[in-house]
N, C-alpha and C. Protein backbone atom coordinates (compact mmCIF):
# COMPACT_ATOMS: atom_id res chain seq x y z
N MET A 1 36.90 -8.12 -11.55
CA MET A 1 36.76 -8.26 -10.10
C MET A 1 36.24 -6.98 -9.47
N ARG A 2 36.64 -5.84 -10.04
CA ARG A 2 36.20 -4.56 -9.50
C ARG A 2 34.68 -4.42 -9.62
N ILE A 3 34.13 -4.89 -10.74
CA ILE A 3 32.69 -4.77 -10.95
C ILE A 3 31.94 -5.62 -9.94
N ASP A 4 32.46 -6.83 -9.65
CA ASP A 4 31.81 -7.69 -8.66
C ASP A 4 31.81 -7.04 -7.28
N ARG A 5 32.92 -6.43 -6.93
CA ARG A 5 32.99 -5.75 -5.64
C ARG A 5 32.00 -4.59 -5.57
N GLU A 6 31.88 -3.87 -6.66
CA GLU A 6 30.91 -2.77 -6.69
C GLU A 6 29.50 -3.29 -6.48
N LYS A 7 29.15 -4.37 -7.16
CA LYS A 7 27.81 -4.92 -7.03
C LYS A 7 27.54 -5.40 -5.60
N ILE A 8 28.53 -6.07 -5.03
CA ILE A 8 28.37 -6.55 -3.66
C ILE A 8 28.25 -5.39 -2.69
N GLY A 9 29.12 -4.39 -2.86
CA GLY A 9 29.07 -3.22 -1.98
C GLY A 9 27.76 -2.48 -2.09
N LEU A 10 27.26 -2.33 -3.31
CA LEU A 10 25.99 -1.63 -3.50
C LEU A 10 24.84 -2.43 -2.90
N ALA A 11 24.87 -3.75 -3.06
CA ALA A 11 23.82 -4.59 -2.48
C ALA A 11 23.82 -4.47 -0.96
N VAL A 12 25.00 -4.44 -0.36
CA VAL A 12 25.10 -4.28 1.10
C VAL A 12 24.54 -2.93 1.53
N LEU A 13 24.86 -1.89 0.76
CA LEU A 13 24.38 -0.55 1.09
C LEU A 13 22.86 -0.46 0.99
N VAL A 14 22.31 -1.02 -0.07
CA VAL A 14 20.86 -1.03 -0.24
C VAL A 14 20.20 -1.81 0.89
N ALA A 15 20.74 -3.00 1.20
CA ALA A 15 20.17 -3.81 2.28
C ALA A 15 20.26 -3.08 3.62
N GLY A 16 21.36 -2.38 3.85
CA GLY A 16 21.51 -1.63 5.09
C GLY A 16 20.50 -0.51 5.21
N ALA A 17 20.27 0.20 4.11
CA ALA A 17 19.28 1.28 4.12
C ALA A 17 17.89 0.75 4.42
N VAL A 18 17.53 -0.37 3.79
CA VAL A 18 16.22 -0.97 4.03
C VAL A 18 16.11 -1.50 5.46
N ALA A 19 17.16 -2.17 5.93
CA ALA A 19 17.15 -2.73 7.29
C ALA A 19 17.00 -1.63 8.33
N LEU A 20 17.69 -0.50 8.13
CA LEU A 20 17.59 0.62 9.06
C LEU A 20 16.15 1.09 9.19
N ARG A 21 15.46 1.16 8.09
CA ARG A 21 14.07 1.63 8.11
C ARG A 21 13.12 0.57 8.63
N LEU A 22 13.43 -0.68 8.40
CA LEU A 22 12.58 -1.74 8.96
C LEU A 22 12.67 -1.75 10.48
N ILE A 23 13.86 -1.48 11.00
CA ILE A 23 14.00 -1.37 12.46
C ILE A 23 13.17 -0.19 12.96
N GLY A 24 13.25 0.92 12.24
CA GLY A 24 12.45 2.07 12.62
C GLY A 24 10.96 1.79 12.55
N LEU A 25 10.53 1.04 11.53
CA LEU A 25 9.12 0.71 11.39
C LEU A 25 8.66 -0.19 12.53
N ALA A 26 9.50 -1.14 12.93
CA ALA A 26 9.15 -2.01 14.05
C ALA A 26 9.00 -1.21 15.34
N GLN A 27 9.84 -0.22 15.54
CA GLN A 27 9.73 0.62 16.73
C GLN A 27 8.52 1.55 16.66
N LEU A 28 8.25 2.05 15.44
CA LEU A 28 7.13 2.98 15.27
C LEU A 28 5.80 2.33 15.60
N ARG A 29 5.67 1.04 15.37
CA ARG A 29 4.39 0.35 15.59
C ARG A 29 3.98 0.36 17.06
N HIS A 30 4.91 0.64 17.93
CA HIS A 30 4.60 0.67 19.38
C HIS A 30 4.40 2.10 19.89
N THR A 31 4.22 3.03 18.98
CA THR A 31 4.01 4.43 19.38
C THR A 31 2.68 4.93 18.81
N PRO A 32 2.15 6.02 19.36
CA PRO A 32 0.89 6.59 18.82
C PRO A 32 1.04 7.13 17.41
N TYR A 33 2.27 7.38 16.96
CA TYR A 33 2.48 7.96 15.63
C TYR A 33 2.20 6.96 14.52
N TYR A 34 2.03 5.69 14.87
CA TYR A 34 1.82 4.66 13.85
C TYR A 34 0.43 4.74 13.24
N ASP A 35 -0.59 4.87 14.07
CA ASP A 35 -1.96 4.83 13.54
C ASP A 35 -2.79 6.05 13.89
N GLN A 36 -2.20 7.06 14.52
CA GLN A 36 -2.91 8.30 14.80
C GLN A 36 -2.48 9.33 13.76
N LEU A 37 -3.19 9.36 12.64
CA LEU A 37 -2.82 10.24 11.54
C LEU A 37 -3.38 11.64 11.78
N VAL A 38 -2.61 12.64 11.39
CA VAL A 38 -3.04 14.03 11.56
C VAL A 38 -2.69 14.81 10.30
N VAL A 39 -3.35 15.96 10.15
CA VAL A 39 -3.09 16.95 9.10
C VAL A 39 -3.05 16.28 7.71
N ASP A 40 -1.94 16.42 6.98
CA ASP A 40 -1.87 15.90 5.62
C ASP A 40 -2.06 14.38 5.57
N ALA A 41 -1.41 13.67 6.49
CA ALA A 41 -1.51 12.22 6.49
C ALA A 41 -2.96 11.77 6.63
N LEU A 42 -3.71 12.43 7.49
CA LEU A 42 -5.12 12.09 7.67
C LEU A 42 -5.92 12.41 6.42
N SER A 43 -5.62 13.54 5.79
CA SER A 43 -6.36 13.90 4.57
C SER A 43 -6.07 12.92 3.45
N TYR A 44 -4.83 12.45 3.32
CA TYR A 44 -4.50 11.44 2.31
C TYR A 44 -5.28 10.15 2.56
N HIS A 45 -5.30 9.73 3.81
CA HIS A 45 -6.00 8.49 4.19
C HIS A 45 -7.49 8.60 3.89
N ASP A 46 -8.10 9.72 4.29
CA ASP A 46 -9.54 9.89 4.05
C ASP A 46 -9.85 9.97 2.56
N TRP A 47 -9.00 10.63 1.82
CA TRP A 47 -9.19 10.72 0.37
C TRP A 47 -9.10 9.34 -0.26
N ALA A 48 -8.14 8.53 0.18
CA ALA A 48 -8.02 7.17 -0.33
C ALA A 48 -9.27 6.35 -0.04
N LEU A 49 -9.86 6.54 1.13
CA LEU A 49 -11.09 5.82 1.47
C LEU A 49 -12.24 6.25 0.58
N ARG A 50 -12.28 7.53 0.23
CA ARG A 50 -13.33 8.00 -0.69
C ARG A 50 -13.16 7.38 -2.08
N ILE A 51 -11.90 7.24 -2.50
CA ILE A 51 -11.64 6.60 -3.79
C ILE A 51 -12.11 5.15 -3.75
N LEU A 52 -11.79 4.46 -2.65
CA LEU A 52 -12.25 3.07 -2.50
C LEU A 52 -13.77 2.99 -2.46
N GLY A 53 -14.40 4.04 -1.94
CA GLY A 53 -15.85 4.05 -1.85
C GLY A 53 -16.55 4.31 -3.18
N GLY A 54 -15.79 4.52 -4.24
CA GLY A 54 -16.38 4.70 -5.56
C GLY A 54 -16.11 6.04 -6.20
N ASP A 55 -15.58 6.99 -5.45
CA ASP A 55 -15.31 8.31 -6.01
C ASP A 55 -13.91 8.35 -6.62
N TRP A 56 -13.65 7.42 -7.54
CA TRP A 56 -12.30 7.32 -8.09
C TRP A 56 -12.01 8.41 -9.12
N LEU A 57 -13.04 9.12 -9.58
CA LEU A 57 -12.82 10.26 -10.47
C LEU A 57 -12.63 11.57 -9.71
N GLY A 58 -12.73 11.52 -8.40
CA GLY A 58 -12.50 12.72 -7.62
C GLY A 58 -13.59 13.76 -7.72
N ARG A 59 -14.82 13.32 -7.99
CA ARG A 59 -15.92 14.29 -8.14
C ARG A 59 -16.19 15.05 -6.85
N GLN A 60 -16.02 14.37 -5.71
CA GLN A 60 -16.26 15.06 -4.44
C GLN A 60 -15.19 16.11 -4.18
N GLU A 61 -13.97 15.84 -4.70
CA GLU A 61 -12.90 16.80 -4.50
C GLU A 61 -13.07 18.03 -5.38
N GLY A 62 -13.65 17.85 -6.57
CA GLY A 62 -13.67 18.95 -7.53
C GLY A 62 -12.26 19.17 -8.05
N VAL A 63 -11.83 20.41 -8.13
CA VAL A 63 -10.44 20.68 -8.47
C VAL A 63 -9.57 20.23 -7.30
N PHE A 64 -8.56 19.42 -7.59
CA PHE A 64 -7.74 18.85 -6.52
C PHE A 64 -7.05 19.96 -5.73
N TYR A 65 -7.28 19.98 -4.43
CA TYR A 65 -6.63 20.99 -3.60
C TYR A 65 -5.23 20.57 -3.19
N GLN A 66 -4.90 19.30 -3.40
CA GLN A 66 -3.55 18.79 -3.19
C GLN A 66 -3.19 17.89 -4.36
N SER A 67 -1.89 17.62 -4.50
CA SER A 67 -1.47 16.69 -5.54
C SER A 67 -2.12 15.33 -5.28
N PRO A 68 -2.75 14.73 -6.29
CA PRO A 68 -3.58 13.54 -6.06
C PRO A 68 -2.82 12.22 -6.02
N GLY A 69 -1.55 12.20 -6.35
CA GLY A 69 -0.84 10.94 -6.52
C GLY A 69 -0.82 10.07 -5.28
N TYR A 70 -0.53 10.66 -4.12
CA TYR A 70 -0.38 9.84 -2.92
C TYR A 70 -1.70 9.21 -2.46
N PRO A 71 -2.81 9.94 -2.47
CA PRO A 71 -4.08 9.27 -2.12
C PRO A 71 -4.42 8.12 -3.05
N TYR A 72 -4.12 8.26 -4.34
CA TYR A 72 -4.41 7.16 -5.26
C TYR A 72 -3.46 5.98 -5.02
N PHE A 73 -2.23 6.29 -4.64
CA PHE A 73 -1.32 5.21 -4.24
C PHE A 73 -1.86 4.46 -3.03
N LEU A 74 -2.31 5.21 -2.02
CA LEU A 74 -2.87 4.56 -0.83
C LEU A 74 -4.10 3.73 -1.19
N ALA A 75 -4.96 4.28 -2.04
CA ALA A 75 -6.17 3.56 -2.41
C ALA A 75 -5.83 2.24 -3.10
N LEU A 76 -4.81 2.26 -3.96
CA LEU A 76 -4.40 1.03 -4.65
C LEU A 76 -3.88 0.00 -3.65
N VAL A 77 -3.06 0.45 -2.70
CA VAL A 77 -2.53 -0.46 -1.69
C VAL A 77 -3.66 -1.00 -0.82
N TYR A 78 -4.59 -0.13 -0.40
CA TYR A 78 -5.72 -0.58 0.41
C TYR A 78 -6.57 -1.60 -0.34
N LYS A 79 -6.73 -1.38 -1.64
CA LYS A 79 -7.54 -2.29 -2.44
C LYS A 79 -6.92 -3.68 -2.50
N ILE A 80 -5.60 -3.74 -2.59
CA ILE A 80 -4.91 -5.02 -2.72
C ILE A 80 -4.70 -5.69 -1.37
N ALA A 81 -4.24 -4.91 -0.38
CA ALA A 81 -3.81 -5.50 0.89
C ALA A 81 -4.77 -5.22 2.05
N GLY A 82 -5.82 -4.44 1.81
CA GLY A 82 -6.72 -4.07 2.88
C GLY A 82 -6.31 -2.75 3.52
N VAL A 83 -7.28 -2.10 4.13
CA VAL A 83 -7.00 -0.81 4.77
C VAL A 83 -6.16 -1.04 6.01
N GLY A 84 -5.04 -0.40 6.08
CA GLY A 84 -4.14 -0.54 7.22
C GLY A 84 -2.94 0.37 7.04
N TYR A 85 -2.09 0.41 8.04
CA TYR A 85 -1.00 1.38 8.06
C TYR A 85 0.37 0.74 7.81
N PHE A 86 0.41 -0.57 7.60
CA PHE A 86 1.70 -1.24 7.46
C PHE A 86 2.19 -1.29 6.02
N TRP A 87 1.34 -1.77 5.10
CA TRP A 87 1.80 -2.01 3.74
C TRP A 87 2.23 -0.76 2.99
N PRO A 88 1.52 0.37 3.13
CA PRO A 88 2.04 1.57 2.46
C PRO A 88 3.45 1.94 2.92
N ARG A 89 3.69 1.81 4.22
CA ARG A 89 5.02 2.13 4.75
C ARG A 89 6.06 1.13 4.25
N LEU A 90 5.67 -0.13 4.18
CA LEU A 90 6.62 -1.14 3.71
C LEU A 90 7.01 -0.89 2.26
N ILE A 91 6.06 -0.49 1.44
CA ILE A 91 6.38 -0.17 0.05
C ILE A 91 7.29 1.04 -0.02
N GLN A 92 7.07 2.01 0.83
CA GLN A 92 7.95 3.18 0.86
C GLN A 92 9.37 2.79 1.26
N VAL A 93 9.48 1.86 2.19
CA VAL A 93 10.80 1.37 2.58
C VAL A 93 11.47 0.68 1.40
N ALA A 94 10.72 -0.11 0.65
CA ALA A 94 11.29 -0.77 -0.52
C ALA A 94 11.73 0.24 -1.56
N ALA A 95 10.98 1.34 -1.68
CA ALA A 95 11.34 2.39 -2.64
C ALA A 95 12.68 3.02 -2.30
N VAL A 96 13.03 3.01 -1.02
CA VAL A 96 14.33 3.55 -0.61
C VAL A 96 15.47 2.76 -1.23
N GLY A 97 15.32 1.44 -1.29
CA GLY A 97 16.35 0.63 -1.91
C GLY A 97 16.58 1.04 -3.36
N VAL A 98 15.49 1.33 -4.07
CA VAL A 98 15.60 1.80 -5.45
C VAL A 98 16.29 3.16 -5.49
N LEU A 99 15.92 4.05 -4.56
CA LEU A 99 16.52 5.39 -4.54
C LEU A 99 18.02 5.32 -4.29
N VAL A 100 18.45 4.48 -3.38
CA VAL A 100 19.88 4.35 -3.10
C VAL A 100 20.63 3.94 -4.37
N TRP A 101 20.10 2.96 -5.09
CA TRP A 101 20.73 2.55 -6.35
C TRP A 101 20.76 3.68 -7.37
N LEU A 102 19.64 4.42 -7.48
CA LEU A 102 19.56 5.51 -8.45
C LEU A 102 20.56 6.62 -8.11
N MET A 103 20.70 6.94 -6.83
CA MET A 103 21.65 7.99 -6.44
C MET A 103 23.08 7.55 -6.72
N TRP A 104 23.35 6.27 -6.52
CA TRP A 104 24.67 5.74 -6.87
C TRP A 104 24.92 5.88 -8.37
N ALA A 105 23.92 5.49 -9.17
CA ALA A 105 24.08 5.55 -10.63
C ALA A 105 24.21 6.98 -11.12
N LEU A 106 23.43 7.90 -10.57
CA LEU A 106 23.50 9.30 -10.98
C LEU A 106 24.84 9.93 -10.61
N GLY A 107 25.22 9.73 -9.35
CA GLY A 107 26.50 10.30 -8.91
C GLY A 107 27.67 9.77 -9.70
N ARG A 108 27.64 8.48 -9.97
CA ARG A 108 28.72 7.85 -10.73
C ARG A 108 28.77 8.39 -12.15
N ARG A 109 27.61 8.55 -12.76
CA ARG A 109 27.55 9.01 -14.15
C ARG A 109 28.00 10.46 -14.28
N LEU A 110 27.61 11.29 -13.31
CA LEU A 110 27.88 12.72 -13.41
C LEU A 110 29.28 13.10 -12.93
N PHE A 111 29.72 12.51 -11.82
CA PHE A 111 30.94 12.99 -11.17
C PHE A 111 31.96 11.91 -10.86
N GLY A 112 31.65 10.65 -11.16
CA GLY A 112 32.61 9.59 -10.91
C GLY A 112 32.21 8.65 -9.80
N PRO A 113 32.94 7.55 -9.63
CA PRO A 113 32.58 6.51 -8.65
C PRO A 113 32.47 7.02 -7.22
N LEU A 114 33.42 7.86 -6.78
CA LEU A 114 33.38 8.34 -5.39
C LEU A 114 32.10 9.11 -5.12
N ALA A 115 31.72 9.97 -6.05
CA ALA A 115 30.49 10.73 -5.88
C ALA A 115 29.28 9.80 -5.79
N GLY A 116 29.30 8.74 -6.60
CA GLY A 116 28.19 7.79 -6.55
C GLY A 116 28.06 7.13 -5.19
N TRP A 117 29.19 6.70 -4.62
CA TRP A 117 29.15 6.06 -3.30
C TRP A 117 28.75 7.04 -2.22
N LEU A 118 29.22 8.27 -2.31
CA LEU A 118 28.85 9.27 -1.30
C LEU A 118 27.36 9.58 -1.37
N ALA A 119 26.84 9.75 -2.59
CA ALA A 119 25.42 10.05 -2.75
C ALA A 119 24.56 8.90 -2.22
N ALA A 120 24.92 7.69 -2.57
CA ALA A 120 24.15 6.53 -2.11
C ALA A 120 24.25 6.35 -0.61
N GLY A 121 25.44 6.54 -0.07
CA GLY A 121 25.63 6.38 1.38
C GLY A 121 24.86 7.41 2.18
N MET A 122 24.90 8.66 1.75
CA MET A 122 24.17 9.70 2.48
C MET A 122 22.67 9.49 2.36
N THR A 123 22.21 9.03 1.21
CA THR A 123 20.79 8.72 1.06
C THR A 123 20.36 7.61 2.02
N ALA A 124 21.23 6.64 2.21
CA ALA A 124 20.90 5.49 3.05
C ALA A 124 20.75 5.85 4.51
N ILE A 125 21.55 6.79 5.00
CA ILE A 125 21.59 7.04 6.45
C ILE A 125 21.10 8.43 6.85
N TYR A 126 20.75 9.28 5.91
CA TYR A 126 20.32 10.64 6.24
C TYR A 126 19.07 10.61 7.11
N GLY A 127 19.15 11.17 8.29
CA GLY A 127 18.08 11.08 9.28
C GLY A 127 16.72 11.53 8.80
N PRO A 128 16.58 12.74 8.21
CA PRO A 128 15.26 13.16 7.73
C PRO A 128 14.67 12.22 6.69
N PHE A 129 15.51 11.60 5.85
CA PHE A 129 15.00 10.63 4.90
C PHE A 129 14.41 9.43 5.63
N VAL A 130 15.13 8.94 6.64
CA VAL A 130 14.63 7.78 7.40
C VAL A 130 13.29 8.11 8.02
N TYR A 131 13.15 9.30 8.57
CA TYR A 131 11.89 9.71 9.19
C TYR A 131 10.77 9.78 8.17
N GLU A 132 11.01 10.48 7.04
CA GLU A 132 9.97 10.66 6.03
C GLU A 132 9.53 9.33 5.43
N ASP A 133 10.46 8.39 5.31
CA ASP A 133 10.13 7.11 4.69
C ASP A 133 9.14 6.30 5.52
N LEU A 134 9.02 6.61 6.80
CA LEU A 134 8.13 5.86 7.68
C LEU A 134 6.82 6.58 7.93
N MET A 135 6.67 7.77 7.37
CA MET A 135 5.46 8.55 7.57
C MET A 135 4.50 8.37 6.40
N TYR A 136 3.25 8.75 6.62
CA TYR A 136 2.28 8.82 5.54
C TYR A 136 2.56 10.12 4.79
N GLU A 137 3.57 10.08 3.95
CA GLU A 137 4.09 11.29 3.33
C GLU A 137 4.65 10.93 1.96
N LYS A 138 4.57 11.84 1.01
CA LYS A 138 4.86 11.51 -0.39
C LYS A 138 6.32 11.63 -0.78
N THR A 139 7.18 12.12 0.10
CA THR A 139 8.57 12.35 -0.28
C THR A 139 9.27 11.06 -0.68
N SER A 140 9.03 9.99 0.07
CA SER A 140 9.76 8.73 -0.18
C SER A 140 9.40 8.13 -1.53
N LEU A 141 8.25 8.47 -2.08
CA LEU A 141 7.89 8.01 -3.42
C LEU A 141 8.32 9.01 -4.49
N THR A 142 8.35 10.29 -4.14
CA THR A 142 8.70 11.32 -5.12
C THR A 142 10.17 11.25 -5.52
N LEU A 143 11.05 11.09 -4.55
CA LEU A 143 12.48 11.13 -4.83
C LEU A 143 12.94 10.04 -5.81
N PRO A 144 12.51 8.77 -5.65
CA PRO A 144 12.92 7.78 -6.66
C PRO A 144 12.42 8.11 -8.06
N LEU A 145 11.23 8.69 -8.15
CA LEU A 145 10.70 9.05 -9.47
C LEU A 145 11.51 10.16 -10.12
N VAL A 146 11.89 11.16 -9.33
CA VAL A 146 12.69 12.27 -9.87
C VAL A 146 14.08 11.76 -10.28
N ALA A 147 14.70 10.98 -9.40
CA ALA A 147 16.02 10.44 -9.73
C ALA A 147 15.94 9.52 -10.95
N GLY A 148 14.89 8.72 -11.02
CA GLY A 148 14.71 7.84 -12.17
C GLY A 148 14.50 8.63 -13.45
N CYS A 149 13.77 9.72 -13.38
CA CYS A 149 13.56 10.59 -14.53
C CYS A 149 14.89 11.14 -15.03
N LEU A 150 15.71 11.67 -14.12
CA LEU A 150 16.99 12.23 -14.52
C LEU A 150 17.88 11.18 -15.18
N LEU A 151 17.94 9.99 -14.59
CA LEU A 151 18.79 8.95 -15.15
C LEU A 151 18.27 8.50 -16.52
N ALA A 152 16.95 8.39 -16.66
CA ALA A 152 16.38 7.98 -17.95
C ALA A 152 16.68 9.01 -19.03
N LEU A 153 16.55 10.30 -18.71
CA LEU A 153 16.84 11.33 -19.70
C LEU A 153 18.31 11.32 -20.09
N MET A 154 19.19 11.11 -19.12
CA MET A 154 20.62 11.06 -19.43
C MET A 154 20.98 9.87 -20.31
N ARG A 155 20.23 8.80 -20.17
CA ARG A 155 20.48 7.60 -20.98
C ARG A 155 19.73 7.60 -22.29
N GLY A 156 19.02 8.69 -22.58
CA GLY A 156 18.32 8.81 -23.84
C GLY A 156 16.97 8.15 -23.89
N ARG A 157 16.44 7.74 -22.75
CA ARG A 157 15.12 7.09 -22.70
C ARG A 157 14.08 8.16 -22.37
N MET A 158 13.75 8.95 -23.38
CA MET A 158 12.98 10.17 -23.17
C MET A 158 11.53 9.89 -22.77
N PHE A 159 10.92 8.92 -23.41
CA PHE A 159 9.53 8.60 -23.07
C PHE A 159 9.43 8.14 -21.62
N LEU A 160 10.33 7.26 -21.20
CA LEU A 160 10.33 6.79 -19.81
C LEU A 160 10.59 7.95 -18.86
N GLY A 161 11.51 8.84 -19.22
CA GLY A 161 11.76 10.01 -18.38
C GLY A 161 10.52 10.86 -18.21
N GLY A 162 9.77 11.05 -19.30
CA GLY A 162 8.54 11.82 -19.20
C GLY A 162 7.49 11.16 -18.32
N VAL A 163 7.36 9.84 -18.43
CA VAL A 163 6.40 9.10 -17.60
C VAL A 163 6.77 9.23 -16.12
N LEU A 164 8.04 9.03 -15.80
CA LEU A 164 8.47 9.11 -14.40
C LEU A 164 8.28 10.51 -13.84
N LEU A 165 8.58 11.53 -14.65
CA LEU A 165 8.37 12.90 -14.19
C LEU A 165 6.89 13.18 -13.99
N GLY A 166 6.05 12.65 -14.89
CA GLY A 166 4.62 12.83 -14.73
C GLY A 166 4.10 12.23 -13.43
N LEU A 167 4.58 11.03 -13.10
CA LEU A 167 4.19 10.40 -11.83
C LEU A 167 4.68 11.22 -10.65
N GLY A 168 5.88 11.78 -10.77
CA GLY A 168 6.40 12.63 -9.70
C GLY A 168 5.56 13.88 -9.53
N ILE A 169 5.10 14.47 -10.63
CA ILE A 169 4.26 15.68 -10.56
C ILE A 169 2.94 15.37 -9.87
N LEU A 170 2.38 14.18 -10.11
CA LEU A 170 1.14 13.82 -9.44
C LEU A 170 1.33 13.72 -7.93
N LEU A 171 2.56 13.47 -7.50
CA LEU A 171 2.85 13.42 -6.07
C LEU A 171 3.20 14.80 -5.52
N ARG A 172 3.91 15.60 -6.30
CA ARG A 172 4.34 16.93 -5.84
C ARG A 172 4.25 17.89 -7.02
N GLY A 173 3.22 18.72 -6.98
CA GLY A 173 2.89 19.55 -8.13
C GLY A 173 3.94 20.56 -8.54
N ASN A 174 4.76 21.01 -7.58
CA ASN A 174 5.75 22.04 -7.95
C ASN A 174 6.84 21.51 -8.87
N LEU A 175 6.86 20.19 -9.11
CA LEU A 175 7.79 19.65 -10.11
C LEU A 175 7.42 20.09 -11.53
N LEU A 176 6.23 20.67 -11.70
CA LEU A 176 5.86 21.22 -13.00
C LEU A 176 6.88 22.25 -13.49
N PHE A 177 7.53 22.93 -12.56
CA PHE A 177 8.54 23.93 -12.96
C PHE A 177 9.72 23.28 -13.67
N PHE A 178 9.91 21.99 -13.45
CA PHE A 178 11.04 21.30 -14.08
C PHE A 178 10.73 20.90 -15.52
N VAL A 179 9.45 20.87 -15.90
CA VAL A 179 9.04 20.38 -17.22
C VAL A 179 9.69 21.18 -18.35
N PRO A 180 9.56 22.51 -18.39
CA PRO A 180 10.19 23.25 -19.50
C PRO A 180 11.71 23.20 -19.46
N ALA A 181 12.29 23.21 -18.27
CA ALA A 181 13.76 23.14 -18.17
C ALA A 181 14.26 21.83 -18.76
N ALA A 182 13.58 20.73 -18.45
CA ALA A 182 13.99 19.44 -18.99
C ALA A 182 13.80 19.39 -20.50
N ALA A 183 12.70 19.99 -20.99
CA ALA A 183 12.45 20.00 -22.43
C ALA A 183 13.55 20.75 -23.17
N VAL A 184 13.97 21.89 -22.62
CA VAL A 184 15.05 22.67 -23.24
C VAL A 184 16.35 21.86 -23.23
N TRP A 185 16.62 21.20 -22.10
CA TRP A 185 17.86 20.40 -22.01
C TRP A 185 17.84 19.25 -23.01
N VAL A 186 16.70 18.56 -23.13
CA VAL A 186 16.59 17.45 -24.08
C VAL A 186 16.81 17.96 -25.50
N TRP A 187 16.20 19.09 -25.84
CA TRP A 187 16.35 19.66 -27.19
C TRP A 187 17.81 19.99 -27.48
N ILE A 188 18.46 20.71 -26.56
CA ILE A 188 19.84 21.13 -26.78
C ILE A 188 20.78 19.92 -26.85
N ALA A 189 20.59 18.97 -25.92
CA ALA A 189 21.46 17.80 -25.90
C ALA A 189 21.31 16.97 -27.18
N THR A 190 20.09 16.89 -27.70
CA THR A 190 19.87 16.11 -28.91
C THR A 190 20.37 16.86 -30.15
N ALA A 191 20.13 18.16 -30.19
CA ALA A 191 20.55 18.94 -31.35
C ALA A 191 22.06 18.97 -31.51
N GLY A 192 22.79 18.75 -30.42
CA GLY A 192 24.25 18.78 -30.47
C GLY A 192 24.88 17.52 -31.03
N ARG A 193 24.06 16.49 -31.29
CA ARG A 193 24.58 15.24 -31.85
C ARG A 193 24.37 15.19 -33.35
N PRO A 194 25.31 14.61 -34.09
CA PRO A 194 25.17 14.55 -35.55
C PRO A 194 23.89 13.85 -36.01
N ASP A 195 23.48 12.81 -35.28
CA ASP A 195 22.29 12.06 -35.66
C ASP A 195 21.07 12.47 -34.85
N GLY A 196 21.16 13.61 -34.17
CA GLY A 196 20.09 14.03 -33.29
C GLY A 196 18.85 14.51 -34.04
N ARG A 197 17.69 14.22 -33.49
CA ARG A 197 16.42 14.73 -34.00
C ARG A 197 15.69 15.37 -32.84
N PRO A 198 16.00 16.63 -32.55
CA PRO A 198 15.50 17.26 -31.32
C PRO A 198 13.99 17.32 -31.22
N LEU A 199 13.31 17.57 -32.35
CA LEU A 199 11.85 17.65 -32.30
C LEU A 199 11.24 16.31 -31.91
N ARG A 200 11.69 15.24 -32.54
CA ARG A 200 11.15 13.92 -32.23
C ARG A 200 11.52 13.48 -30.81
N THR A 201 12.76 13.74 -30.41
CA THR A 201 13.20 13.32 -29.08
C THR A 201 12.46 14.07 -27.98
N THR A 202 12.34 15.38 -28.13
CA THR A 202 11.60 16.16 -27.15
C THR A 202 10.13 15.78 -27.14
N GLY A 203 9.61 15.45 -28.31
CA GLY A 203 8.22 15.01 -28.39
C GLY A 203 7.96 13.73 -27.61
N ARG A 204 8.91 12.80 -27.65
CA ARG A 204 8.75 11.56 -26.88
C ARG A 204 8.71 11.85 -25.39
N TYR A 205 9.57 12.74 -24.94
CA TYR A 205 9.57 13.13 -23.52
C TYR A 205 8.23 13.75 -23.13
N LEU A 206 7.73 14.68 -23.95
CA LEU A 206 6.46 15.35 -23.63
C LEU A 206 5.28 14.40 -23.74
N LEU A 207 5.35 13.43 -24.65
CA LEU A 207 4.27 12.45 -24.78
C LEU A 207 4.15 11.59 -23.52
N GLY A 208 5.28 11.10 -23.04
CA GLY A 208 5.26 10.32 -21.81
C GLY A 208 4.70 11.11 -20.65
N LEU A 209 5.08 12.38 -20.57
CA LEU A 209 4.58 13.26 -19.52
C LEU A 209 3.08 13.46 -19.63
N ALA A 210 2.61 13.74 -20.85
CA ALA A 210 1.20 14.04 -21.05
C ALA A 210 0.30 12.84 -20.77
N LEU A 211 0.75 11.64 -21.13
CA LEU A 211 -0.07 10.45 -20.92
C LEU A 211 -0.37 10.22 -19.45
N VAL A 212 0.52 10.67 -18.58
CA VAL A 212 0.31 10.50 -17.14
C VAL A 212 -0.54 11.63 -16.57
N ILE A 213 -0.24 12.86 -16.97
CA ILE A 213 -0.85 14.02 -16.33
C ILE A 213 -2.25 14.35 -16.88
N LEU A 214 -2.45 14.23 -18.19
CA LEU A 214 -3.70 14.68 -18.81
C LEU A 214 -4.96 14.04 -18.23
N PRO A 215 -4.95 12.72 -17.93
CA PRO A 215 -6.18 12.16 -17.34
C PRO A 215 -6.58 12.85 -16.04
N PHE A 216 -5.62 13.20 -15.22
CA PHE A 216 -5.95 13.89 -13.96
C PHE A 216 -6.35 15.35 -14.23
N THR A 217 -5.73 15.96 -15.23
CA THR A 217 -6.09 17.32 -15.58
C THR A 217 -7.53 17.38 -16.09
N ILE A 218 -7.87 16.43 -16.96
CA ILE A 218 -9.24 16.39 -17.49
C ILE A 218 -10.25 16.13 -16.38
């Protein structure tokens, strides 16, 4: 019975987080901030349009002056749903539901059930998160990827952890600093087990990472 209550409570929390942002999105559509993009948001939008125009290899950009993940995300959404300001934001709102679940799972695994509920609850209602999730901004996509990477590594799914971290790096380049730290942690955690194979396990993590990052590096 306890497990059922947890599932119901978590579903309510996720739905509440999404509903809060949908209300915000409905209000945002009646303000100039909805379609008047400036600074980074405008550069992401313009870059996405160039990708749609055929420059999908980024030749006009040369060496990427910003992390390329978000413009390519926008270009994919524009390609499927048409150029507009609604669908990218709606996907970001949906990503929040995933983040709330991930924060619950991480907190629960690391520090116990109470920590999981506190982490998920604060993620759901934290004001700056609500704001960022409605903007043309990469934070709302980066956080689920980072949280997913951590949970995957803790569960021993090293290749998946590397892939998720690689996607996060494409959105926010300074996550590269986490790559060696995670590799050391994977090695030590695996070497401490009787059946551990640290070289193979760390290699799977790095392979997943490289498959995502190397095409953009090249």
